[in-house]
Amino acid sequence: MLLWFRNDLRTHDNPALHYFLSNQCSKDANKAVFFVSKKQWKRHDWSDMKIDFIIKHAYKLTEELASLGIQLEIVAVDTFADQVQY
């Protein structure tokens, strides 16, 4: 099963994460993904500070999910459309 983190990067009170944890088939096959799309974010007028904050929070999320037995892969892509190819 794959959990795709898009906007909500918290582990506390996250409905998608709760659903994922309660419906997982095998603890060994659990994986999550978060896409870093700096070019796309810049097109939406995100500041460098906001982008840096999001990326740092994503790496913190990696640690939090690891404690739950979930591997988070952070994938860099240029645009949202590039996410589909993943």
N, C-alpha and C. Protein backbone atom coordinates (compact mmCIF):
# COMPACT_ATOMS: atom_id res chain seq x y z
N MET A 1 0.85 -1.17 0.00
CA MET A 1 0.00 0.00 0.00
C MET A 1 0.90 1.24 0.00
N LEU A 2 0.48 2.27 -0.68
CA LEU A 2 1.25 3.51 -0.80
C LEU A 2 0.45 4.66 -0.22
N LEU A 3 1.09 5.45 0.61
CA LEU A 3 0.48 6.66 1.16
C LEU A 3 1.17 7.86 0.54
N TRP A 4 0.39 8.71 -0.11
CA TRP A 4 0.94 9.88 -0.80
C TRP A 4 0.67 11.12 0.06
N PHE A 5 1.73 11.68 0.60
CA PHE A 5 1.61 12.93 1.35
C PHE A 5 1.65 14.07 0.36
N ARG A 6 0.63 14.91 0.40
CA ARG A 6 0.56 16.05 -0.52
C ARG A 6 0.72 17.36 0.25
N ASN A 7 -0.23 17.67 1.12
CA ASN A 7 -0.20 18.93 1.86
C ASN A 7 -0.09 18.73 3.36
N ASP A 8 -0.66 17.69 3.86
CA ASP A 8 -0.73 17.45 5.29
C ASP A 8 0.45 16.60 5.73
N LEU A 9 1.48 17.24 6.26
CA LEU A 9 2.70 16.52 6.62
C LEU A 9 2.78 16.21 8.11
N ARG A 10 1.66 16.11 8.75
CA ARG A 10 1.68 15.81 10.18
C ARG A 10 1.32 14.35 10.42
N THR A 11 1.80 13.81 11.52
CA THR A 11 1.45 12.44 11.88
C THR A 11 0.31 12.44 12.90
N HIS A 12 0.21 13.49 13.67
CA HIS A 12 -0.85 13.59 14.67
C HIS A 12 -2.15 14.04 14.00
N ASP A 13 -3.20 13.29 14.22
CA ASP A 13 -4.53 13.64 13.73
C ASP A 13 -4.58 13.80 12.20
N ASN A 14 -3.91 12.91 11.49
CA ASN A 14 -3.92 12.93 10.03
C ASN A 14 -4.85 11.80 9.55
N PRO A 15 -6.02 12.15 8.97
CA PRO A 15 -6.98 11.12 8.57
C PRO A 15 -6.43 10.11 7.57
N ALA A 16 -5.64 10.57 6.60
CA ALA A 16 -5.09 9.65 5.60
C ALA A 16 -4.11 8.67 6.25
N LEU A 17 -3.28 9.16 7.14
CA LEU A 17 -2.33 8.29 7.83
C LEU A 17 -3.07 7.30 8.72
N HIS A 18 -4.08 7.76 9.41
CA HIS A 18 -4.88 6.87 10.27
C HIS A 18 -5.50 5.75 9.43
N TYR A 19 -6.08 6.10 8.30
CA TYR A 19 -6.68 5.10 7.41
C TYR A 19 -5.61 4.11 6.92
N PHE A 20 -4.47 4.63 6.53
CA PHE A 20 -3.36 3.81 6.05
C PHE A 20 -2.93 2.80 7.12
N LEU A 21 -2.76 3.28 8.34
CA LEU A 21 -2.32 2.40 9.42
C LEU A 21 -3.36 1.35 9.78
N SER A 22 -4.63 1.71 9.71
CA SER A 22 -5.67 0.76 10.09
C SER A 22 -6.01 -0.23 8.98
N ASN A 23 -5.56 0.03 7.75
CA ASN A 23 -5.88 -0.86 6.62
C ASN A 23 -4.65 -1.47 5.96
N GLN A 24 -3.52 -1.39 6.60
CA GLN A 24 -2.32 -1.94 5.99
C GLN A 24 -2.37 -3.46 5.94
N CYS A 25 -1.93 -3.99 4.82
CA CYS A 25 -1.95 -5.44 4.62
C CYS A 25 -0.73 -6.10 5.23
N SER A 26 0.42 -5.50 5.01
CA SER A 26 1.68 -6.07 5.48
C SER A 26 2.58 -4.95 5.94
N LYS A 27 3.05 -5.03 7.15
CA LYS A 27 3.92 -3.98 7.68
C LYS A 27 5.22 -3.86 6.87
N ASP A 28 5.64 -4.92 6.21
CA ASP A 28 6.88 -4.90 5.44
C ASP A 28 6.74 -4.14 4.13
N ALA A 29 5.53 -3.98 3.63
CA ALA A 29 5.34 -3.39 2.30
C ALA A 29 4.85 -1.94 2.36
N ASN A 30 4.86 -1.34 3.52
CA ASN A 30 4.31 0.00 3.65
C ASN A 30 5.31 1.06 3.23
N LYS A 31 4.82 1.95 2.39
CA LYS A 31 5.68 2.99 1.85
C LYS A 31 4.84 4.26 1.69
N ALA A 32 5.50 5.38 1.90
CA ALA A 32 4.86 6.68 1.69
C ALA A 32 5.76 7.49 0.76
N VAL A 33 5.15 8.46 0.10
CA VAL A 33 5.90 9.29 -0.83
C VAL A 33 5.50 10.75 -0.64
N PHE A 34 6.47 11.64 -0.81
CA PHE A 34 6.23 13.07 -0.82
C PHE A 34 7.06 13.66 -1.96
N PHE A 35 6.41 14.45 -2.80
CA PHE A 35 7.09 15.05 -3.94
C PHE A 35 7.50 16.48 -3.63
N VAL A 36 8.76 16.78 -3.89
CA VAL A 36 9.27 18.14 -3.78
C VAL A 36 9.31 18.71 -5.19
N SER A 37 8.53 19.75 -5.41
CA SER A 37 8.39 20.35 -6.75
C SER A 37 8.77 21.83 -6.69
N LYS A 38 10.04 22.10 -6.46
CA LYS A 38 10.49 23.48 -6.26
C LYS A 38 10.10 24.41 -7.41
N LYS A 39 10.31 23.97 -8.64
CA LYS A 39 9.97 24.84 -9.78
C LYS A 39 8.48 25.15 -9.81
N GLN A 40 7.66 24.15 -9.56
CA GLN A 40 6.22 24.35 -9.55
C GLN A 40 5.82 25.28 -8.40
N TRP A 41 6.40 25.07 -7.25
CA TRP A 41 6.08 25.91 -6.10
C TRP A 41 6.46 27.36 -6.37
N LYS A 42 7.59 27.56 -7.03
CA LYS A 42 8.01 28.93 -7.38
C LYS A 42 7.00 29.57 -8.32
N ARG A 43 6.44 28.79 -9.24
CA ARG A 43 5.41 29.31 -10.15
C ARG A 43 4.16 29.76 -9.40
N HIS A 44 3.98 29.20 -8.21
CA HIS A 44 2.84 29.57 -7.37
C HIS A 44 3.24 30.62 -6.32
N ASP A 45 4.37 31.26 -6.58
CA ASP A 45 4.87 32.36 -5.74
C ASP A 45 5.22 31.97 -4.31
N TRP A 46 5.67 30.73 -4.13
CA TRP A 46 6.13 30.33 -2.81
C TRP A 46 7.51 30.95 -2.57
N SER A 47 7.73 31.44 -1.38
CA SER A 47 9.02 32.03 -1.04
C SER A 47 10.04 30.91 -0.78
N ASP A 48 11.31 31.28 -0.86
CA ASP A 48 12.38 30.32 -0.55
C ASP A 48 12.24 29.82 0.89
N MET A 49 11.82 30.71 1.79
CA MET A 49 11.67 30.35 3.19
C MET A 49 10.57 29.30 3.37
N LYS A 50 9.47 29.46 2.66
CA LYS A 50 8.37 28.50 2.76
C LYS A 50 8.80 27.15 2.18
N ILE A 51 9.49 27.16 1.06
CA ILE A 51 9.97 25.92 0.44
C ILE A 51 10.93 25.20 1.38
N ASP A 52 11.84 25.96 1.97
CA ASP A 52 12.80 25.38 2.92
C ASP A 52 12.08 24.77 4.12
N PHE A 53 11.08 25.46 4.63
CA PHE A 53 10.30 24.96 5.76
C PHE A 53 9.62 23.64 5.42
N ILE A 54 8.99 23.58 4.25
CA ILE A 54 8.29 22.36 3.83
C ILE A 54 9.26 21.20 3.69
N ILE A 55 10.40 21.44 3.08
CA ILE A 55 11.39 20.37 2.89
C ILE A 55 11.92 19.88 4.23
N LYS A 56 12.24 20.80 5.13
CA LYS A 56 12.72 20.39 6.46
C LYS A 56 11.65 19.58 7.20
N HIS A 57 10.41 20.00 7.07
CA HIS A 57 9.33 19.27 7.72
C HIS A 57 9.16 17.87 7.11
N ALA A 58 9.36 17.76 5.81
CA ALA A 58 9.27 16.44 5.15
C ALA A 58 10.34 15.50 5.70
N TYR A 59 11.55 16.01 5.91
CA TYR A 59 12.61 15.14 6.46
C TYR A 59 12.33 14.76 7.91
N LYS A 60 11.70 15.64 8.66
CA LYS A 60 11.28 15.31 10.02
C LYS A 60 10.19 14.24 9.97
N LEU A 61 9.30 14.36 9.00
CA LEU A 61 8.24 13.36 8.82
C LEU A 61 8.84 11.98 8.54
N THR A 62 9.95 11.94 7.83
CA THR A 62 10.63 10.67 7.54
C THR A 62 10.95 9.94 8.84
N GLU A 63 11.46 10.67 9.81
CA GLU A 63 11.80 10.08 11.10
C GLU A 63 10.55 9.61 11.85
N GLU A 64 9.52 10.44 11.84
CA GLU A 64 8.30 10.10 12.56
C GLU A 64 7.64 8.86 11.95
N LEU A 65 7.60 8.78 10.63
CA LEU A 65 6.99 7.62 9.98
C LEU A 65 7.81 6.36 10.19
N ALA A 66 9.14 6.50 10.23
CA ALA A 66 10.00 5.34 10.47
C ALA A 66 9.67 4.69 11.81
N SER A 67 9.32 5.51 12.80
CA SER A 67 8.96 4.95 14.11
C SER A 67 7.64 4.17 14.04
N LEU A 68 6.87 4.39 12.99
CA LEU A 68 5.61 3.67 12.77
C LEU A 68 5.79 2.52 11.78
N GLY A 69 7.02 2.31 11.32
CA GLY A 69 7.29 1.23 10.37
C GLY A 69 6.96 1.57 8.93
N ILE A 70 6.95 2.87 8.63
CA ILE A 70 6.62 3.31 7.27
C ILE A 70 7.83 4.05 6.69
N GLN A 71 8.22 3.65 5.49
CA GLN A 71 9.33 4.31 4.81
C GLN A 71 8.78 5.45 3.96
N LEU A 72 9.30 6.66 4.18
CA LEU A 72 8.90 7.81 3.36
C LEU A 72 10.00 8.09 2.35
N GLU A 73 9.62 8.11 1.08
CA GLU A 73 10.54 8.46 0.02
C GLU A 73 10.23 9.89 -0.41
N ILE A 74 11.23 10.74 -0.39
CA ILE A 74 11.09 12.11 -0.84
C ILE A 74 11.64 12.19 -2.24
N VAL A 75 10.78 12.56 -3.19
CA VAL A 75 11.14 12.54 -4.61
C VAL A 75 11.11 13.96 -5.16
N ALA A 76 12.19 14.38 -5.78
CA ALA A 76 12.26 15.71 -6.39
C ALA A 76 11.81 15.62 -7.85
N VAL A 77 10.84 16.46 -8.19
CA VAL A 77 10.34 16.57 -9.57
C VAL A 77 10.18 18.05 -9.88
N ASP A 78 10.22 18.39 -11.16
CA ASP A 78 10.10 19.79 -11.53
C ASP A 78 8.68 20.33 -11.40
N THR A 79 7.71 19.55 -11.85
CA THR A 79 6.33 20.02 -11.88
C THR A 79 5.39 18.97 -11.31
N PHE A 80 4.17 19.39 -11.06
CA PHE A 80 3.16 18.45 -10.58
C PHE A 80 2.91 17.35 -11.61
N ALA A 81 2.95 17.71 -12.88
CA ALA A 81 2.72 16.72 -13.93
C ALA A 81 3.78 15.62 -13.92
N ASP A 82 4.99 15.94 -13.49
CA ASP A 82 6.06 14.96 -13.42
C ASP A 82 5.80 13.89 -12.36
N GLN A 83 4.94 14.19 -11.42
CA GLN A 83 4.63 13.22 -10.37
C GLN A 83 3.97 11.97 -10.92
N VAL A 84 3.22 12.14 -11.98
CA VAL A 84 2.49 11.01 -12.58
C VAL A 84 3.45 9.94 -13.08
N GLN A 85 4.61 10.35 -13.55
CA GLN A 85 5.59 9.41 -14.09
C GLN A 85 6.23 8.55 -13.02
N TYR A 86 6.11 8.97 -11.77
CA TYR A 86 6.69 8.22 -10.67
C TYR A 86 5.90 6.95 -10.48
